[in-house]
Amino acid sequence: MSEAKQNRVILARYKVPAANLEKVKALLQEMQFLSLQEEGCLVYQPHQTVEDPCTIVLYEVYKDDAAINAHRDSDHFQTIALGQIVPLLESRAVEILSQF
């Protein structure tokens, strides 16, 4: 299978100040609802780590690279994720994974 046709997984790790946690969680629920309506988004699931509830890990699966690009270009990603969530974070790390 060519790489361009493989599912892609995104793991995003957010460190959220305690004062912003409930707001970020609410915004992520909105992102989840909107992202799952995208044709290429197969999974969009936020998680909190057990050891530190202020650490959120997003697990996302997309059909291919084009689906990731469509997600990143979407109005909800631009306005909610980048415009509202990212400014509330202490840190953000994003990895894109492929199967081997």
N, C-alpha and C. Protein backbone atom coordinates (compact mmCIF):
# COMPACT_ATOMS: atom_id res chain seq x y z
N MET A 1 0.85 -1.17 0.00
CA MET A 1 0.00 0.00 0.00
C MET A 1 0.89 1.24 0.00
N SER A 2 0.60 2.21 -0.84
CA SER A 2 1.43 3.41 -0.88
C SER A 2 1.16 4.26 0.36
N GLU A 3 2.20 5.00 0.77
CA GLU A 3 2.07 5.80 1.98
C GLU A 3 0.94 6.81 1.91
N ALA A 4 0.71 7.39 0.73
CA ALA A 4 -0.32 8.41 0.58
C ALA A 4 -1.71 7.85 0.84
N LYS A 5 -1.89 6.54 0.73
CA LYS A 5 -3.20 5.93 0.91
C LYS A 5 -3.40 5.34 2.31
N GLN A 6 -2.38 5.32 3.13
CA GLN A 6 -2.49 4.76 4.47
C GLN A 6 -3.18 5.74 5.42
N ASN A 7 -3.89 5.17 6.39
CA ASN A 7 -4.42 6.01 7.45
C ASN A 7 -3.27 6.71 8.17
N ARG A 8 -3.55 7.89 8.64
CA ARG A 8 -2.58 8.64 9.43
C ARG A 8 -3.16 8.84 10.83
N VAL A 9 -2.29 8.74 11.81
CA VAL A 9 -2.69 8.96 13.20
C VAL A 9 -1.99 10.23 13.70
N ILE A 10 -2.74 11.05 14.37
CA ILE A 10 -2.18 12.23 15.02
C ILE A 10 -2.29 12.02 16.52
N LEU A 11 -1.17 12.20 17.21
CA LEU A 11 -1.15 12.24 18.67
C LEU A 11 -0.74 13.66 19.05
N ALA A 12 -1.62 14.32 19.76
CA ALA A 12 -1.33 15.67 20.23
C ALA A 12 -1.38 15.66 21.75
N ARG A 13 -0.37 16.23 22.36
CA ARG A 13 -0.29 16.27 23.82
C ARG A 13 -0.35 17.73 24.26
N TYR A 14 -1.35 18.04 25.08
CA TYR A 14 -1.55 19.40 25.58
C TYR A 14 -1.30 19.42 27.07
N LYS A 15 -0.55 20.40 27.52
CA LYS A 15 -0.41 20.68 28.95
C LYS A 15 -1.26 21.92 29.21
N VAL A 16 -2.27 21.76 30.06
CA VAL A 16 -3.26 22.81 30.27
C VAL A 16 -3.15 23.35 31.70
N PRO A 17 -3.06 24.66 31.86
CA PRO A 17 -3.13 25.20 33.23
C PRO A 17 -4.47 24.82 33.87
N ALA A 18 -4.44 24.50 35.15
CA ALA A 18 -5.65 24.06 35.85
C ALA A 18 -6.81 25.05 35.68
N ALA A 19 -6.50 26.33 35.67
CA ALA A 19 -7.54 27.36 35.54
C ALA A 19 -8.25 27.31 34.18
N ASN A 20 -7.60 26.73 33.17
CA ASN A 20 -8.17 26.68 31.82
C ASN A 20 -8.74 25.31 31.46
N LEU A 21 -8.61 24.34 32.35
CA LEU A 21 -8.92 22.96 32.01
C LEU A 21 -10.36 22.75 31.56
N GLU A 22 -11.32 23.24 32.29
CA GLU A 22 -12.73 23.01 31.93
C GLU A 22 -13.08 23.69 30.61
N LYS A 23 -12.54 24.85 30.35
CA LYS A 23 -12.78 25.55 29.09
C LYS A 23 -12.19 24.76 27.93
N VAL A 24 -10.95 24.27 28.08
CA VAL A 24 -10.31 23.49 27.02
C VAL A 24 -11.09 22.20 26.77
N LYS A 25 -11.53 21.54 27.81
CA LYS A 25 -12.31 20.31 27.64
C LYS A 25 -13.61 20.58 26.87
N ALA A 26 -14.28 21.66 27.19
CA ALA A 26 -15.53 22.00 26.49
C ALA A 26 -15.25 22.30 25.01
N LEU A 27 -14.18 23.02 24.74
CA LEU A 27 -13.82 23.32 23.36
C LEU A 27 -13.43 22.06 22.59
N LEU A 28 -12.76 21.13 23.27
CA LEU A 28 -12.38 19.88 22.62
C LEU A 28 -13.60 19.01 22.31
N GLN A 29 -14.62 19.08 23.14
CA GLN A 29 -15.85 18.35 22.84
C GLN A 29 -16.51 18.93 21.58
N GLU A 30 -16.45 20.24 21.44
CA GLU A 30 -16.98 20.88 20.23
C GLU A 30 -16.14 20.48 19.01
N MET A 31 -14.82 20.47 19.18
CA MET A 31 -13.93 20.04 18.09
C MET A 31 -14.20 18.60 17.70
N GLN A 32 -14.43 17.75 18.68
CA GLN A 32 -14.70 16.35 18.40
C GLN A 32 -15.96 16.21 17.55
N PHE A 33 -17.02 16.89 17.93
CA PHE A 33 -18.28 16.82 17.20
C PHE A 33 -18.09 17.28 15.76
N LEU A 34 -17.45 18.41 15.57
CA LEU A 34 -17.27 18.97 14.23
C LEU A 34 -16.28 18.16 13.40
N SER A 35 -15.21 17.70 14.01
CA SER A 35 -14.19 16.94 13.27
C SER A 35 -14.73 15.62 12.78
N LEU A 36 -15.54 14.96 13.58
CA LEU A 36 -16.10 13.66 13.17
C LEU A 36 -17.09 13.78 12.02
N GLN A 37 -17.50 15.00 11.70
CA GLN A 37 -18.36 15.22 10.54
C GLN A 37 -17.54 15.35 9.25
N GLU A 38 -16.23 15.51 9.37
CA GLU A 38 -15.37 15.59 8.19
C GLU A 38 -15.32 14.22 7.52
N GLU A 39 -15.33 14.22 6.20
CA GLU A 39 -15.32 12.96 5.45
C GLU A 39 -14.09 12.11 5.78
N GLY A 40 -12.93 12.73 5.95
CA GLY A 40 -11.69 11.97 6.14
C GLY A 40 -11.30 11.69 7.57
N CYS A 41 -12.08 12.19 8.53
CA CYS A 41 -11.76 11.97 9.95
C CYS A 41 -12.45 10.71 10.43
N LEU A 42 -11.67 9.72 10.82
CA LEU A 42 -12.21 8.44 11.27
C LEU A 42 -12.37 8.36 12.78
N VAL A 43 -11.44 9.00 13.51
CA VAL A 43 -11.46 9.01 14.98
C VAL A 43 -10.95 10.37 15.45
N TYR A 44 -11.62 10.92 16.45
CA TYR A 44 -11.14 12.14 17.11
C TYR A 44 -11.52 11.99 18.58
N GLN A 45 -10.55 11.59 19.40
CA GLN A 45 -10.86 11.26 20.78
C GLN A 45 -9.89 11.93 21.75
N PRO A 46 -10.37 12.88 22.55
CA PRO A 46 -9.52 13.46 23.60
C PRO A 46 -9.50 12.56 24.84
N HIS A 47 -8.36 12.54 25.52
CA HIS A 47 -8.16 11.77 26.75
C HIS A 47 -7.42 12.64 27.76
N GLN A 48 -7.64 12.37 29.03
CA GLN A 48 -6.83 12.96 30.10
C GLN A 48 -5.94 11.87 30.66
N THR A 49 -4.70 12.22 31.00
CA THR A 49 -3.84 11.22 31.61
C THR A 49 -4.30 10.99 33.05
N VAL A 50 -4.16 9.77 33.50
CA VAL A 50 -4.58 9.40 34.85
C VAL A 50 -3.70 10.09 35.89
N GLU A 51 -2.40 10.15 35.61
CA GLU A 51 -1.46 10.73 36.57
C GLU A 51 -1.60 12.24 36.70
N ASP A 52 -1.99 12.92 35.61
CA ASP A 52 -2.07 14.38 35.61
C ASP A 52 -3.25 14.81 34.74
N PRO A 53 -4.40 15.07 35.35
CA PRO A 53 -5.57 15.46 34.58
C PRO A 53 -5.39 16.72 33.74
N CYS A 54 -4.35 17.50 34.01
CA CYS A 54 -4.08 18.70 33.22
C CYS A 54 -3.28 18.39 31.95
N THR A 55 -2.99 17.11 31.73
CA THR A 55 -2.38 16.67 30.48
C THR A 55 -3.45 15.98 29.65
N ILE A 56 -3.68 16.52 28.47
CA ILE A 56 -4.68 15.98 27.55
C ILE A 56 -3.95 15.41 26.34
N VAL A 57 -4.36 14.22 25.92
CA VAL A 57 -3.80 13.60 24.73
C VAL A 57 -4.95 13.40 23.75
N LEU A 58 -4.77 13.92 22.54
CA LEU A 58 -5.74 13.72 21.48
C LEU A 58 -5.27 12.57 20.60
N TYR A 59 -6.16 11.66 20.31
CA TYR A 59 -5.90 10.55 19.39
C TYR A 59 -6.84 10.75 18.21
N GLU A 60 -6.25 11.00 17.04
CA GLU A 60 -7.03 11.27 15.83
C GLU A 60 -6.56 10.33 14.73
N VAL A 61 -7.51 9.84 13.93
CA VAL A 61 -7.18 9.01 12.78
C VAL A 61 -7.84 9.61 11.55
N TYR A 62 -7.04 9.76 10.49
CA TYR A 62 -7.52 10.31 9.23
C TYR A 62 -7.24 9.34 8.10
N LYS A 63 -8.06 9.39 7.05
CA LYS A 63 -7.93 8.46 5.93
C LYS A 63 -6.57 8.58 5.25
N ASP A 64 -6.05 9.79 5.17
CA ASP A 64 -4.80 10.01 4.46
C ASP A 64 -4.30 11.43 4.73
N ASP A 65 -3.20 11.79 4.08
CA ASP A 65 -2.63 13.12 4.28
C ASP A 65 -3.59 14.22 3.83
N ALA A 66 -4.32 13.97 2.75
CA ALA A 66 -5.27 14.98 2.26
C ALA A 66 -6.34 15.26 3.31
N ALA A 67 -6.76 14.24 4.05
CA ALA A 67 -7.76 14.42 5.10
C ALA A 67 -7.21 15.25 6.25
N ILE A 68 -5.93 15.05 6.57
CA ILE A 68 -5.29 15.88 7.61
C ILE A 68 -5.25 17.34 7.15
N ASN A 69 -4.87 17.54 5.91
CA ASN A 69 -4.82 18.91 5.38
C ASN A 69 -6.19 19.56 5.37
N ALA A 70 -7.22 18.80 5.00
CA ALA A 70 -8.58 19.33 5.02
C ALA A 70 -9.00 19.69 6.44
N HIS A 71 -8.62 18.85 7.40
CA HIS A 71 -8.93 19.14 8.81
C HIS A 71 -8.25 20.44 9.25
N ARG A 72 -6.98 20.56 8.94
CA ARG A 72 -6.23 21.75 9.34
C ARG A 72 -6.72 23.02 8.66
N ASP A 73 -7.30 22.87 7.47
CA ASP A 73 -7.83 24.02 6.74
C ASP A 73 -9.27 24.35 7.13
N SER A 74 -9.91 23.49 7.92
CA SER A 74 -11.32 23.69 8.26
C SER A 74 -11.50 24.93 9.14
N ASP A 75 -12.69 25.52 9.03
CA ASP A 75 -13.02 26.69 9.85
C ASP A 75 -12.92 26.36 11.33
N HIS A 76 -13.42 25.18 11.74
CA HIS A 76 -13.42 24.86 13.17
C HIS A 76 -12.01 24.66 13.71
N PHE A 77 -11.11 24.09 12.91
CA PHE A 77 -9.72 23.97 13.37
C PHE A 77 -9.08 25.35 13.51
N GLN A 78 -9.29 26.19 12.53
CA GLN A 78 -8.69 27.52 12.56
C GLN A 78 -9.24 28.37 13.71
N THR A 79 -10.56 28.36 13.88
CA THR A 79 -11.16 29.25 14.89
C THR A 79 -11.16 28.67 16.30
N ILE A 80 -11.43 27.36 16.43
CA ILE A 80 -11.53 26.78 17.77
C ILE A 80 -10.16 26.27 18.24
N ALA A 81 -9.56 25.37 17.46
CA ALA A 81 -8.29 24.77 17.91
C ALA A 81 -7.17 25.82 17.98
N LEU A 82 -6.91 26.48 16.87
CA LEU A 82 -5.81 27.45 16.86
C LEU A 82 -6.18 28.76 17.53
N GLY A 83 -7.41 29.21 17.31
CA GLY A 83 -7.81 30.52 17.81
C GLY A 83 -8.19 30.56 19.28
N GLN A 84 -8.76 29.45 19.79
CA GLN A 84 -9.25 29.47 21.18
C GLN A 84 -8.51 28.51 22.11
N ILE A 85 -8.23 27.28 21.64
CA ILE A 85 -7.60 26.30 22.53
C ILE A 85 -6.11 26.58 22.72
N VAL A 86 -5.38 26.71 21.63
CA VAL A 86 -3.92 26.87 21.73
C VAL A 86 -3.51 28.03 22.64
N PRO A 87 -4.18 29.19 22.58
CA PRO A 87 -3.78 30.26 23.51
C PRO A 87 -3.97 29.94 24.99
N LEU A 88 -4.78 28.93 25.30
CA LEU A 88 -5.04 28.55 26.70
C LEU A 88 -4.05 27.52 27.24
N LEU A 89 -3.16 27.01 26.38
CA LEU A 89 -2.25 25.92 26.76
C LEU A 89 -0.92 26.42 27.27
N GLU A 90 -0.30 25.62 28.14
CA GLU A 90 1.09 25.84 28.52
C GLU A 90 2.02 25.32 27.43
N SER A 91 1.66 24.15 26.87
CA SER A 91 2.47 23.57 25.81
C SER A 91 1.62 22.68 24.93
N ARG A 92 2.15 22.42 23.73
CA ARG A 92 1.44 21.58 22.75
C ARG A 92 2.49 20.88 21.89
N ALA A 93 2.37 19.57 21.79
CA ALA A 93 3.25 18.78 20.93
C ALA A 93 2.37 17.90 20.05
N VAL A 94 2.68 17.87 18.75
CA VAL A 94 1.86 17.12 17.80
C VAL A 94 2.78 16.21 16.99
N GLU A 95 2.36 14.93 16.88
CA GLU A 95 3.08 13.95 16.07
C GLU A 95 2.12 13.34 15.08
N ILE A 96 2.59 13.12 13.85
CA ILE A 96 1.82 12.39 12.84
C ILE A 96 2.50 11.05 12.65
N LEU A 97 1.71 9.98 12.75
CA LEU A 97 2.23 8.63 12.69
C LEU A 97 1.68 7.88 11.48
N SER A 98 2.48 6.95 10.98
CA SER A 98 2.00 6.05 9.93
C SER A 98 2.39 4.63 10.33
N GLN A 99 1.66 3.68 9.80
CA GLN A 99 1.94 2.28 10.09
C GLN A 99 3.17 1.82 9.31
N PHE A 100 3.80 0.78 9.80
CA PHE A 100 4.87 0.14 9.02
C PHE A 100 4.69 -1.35 9.09
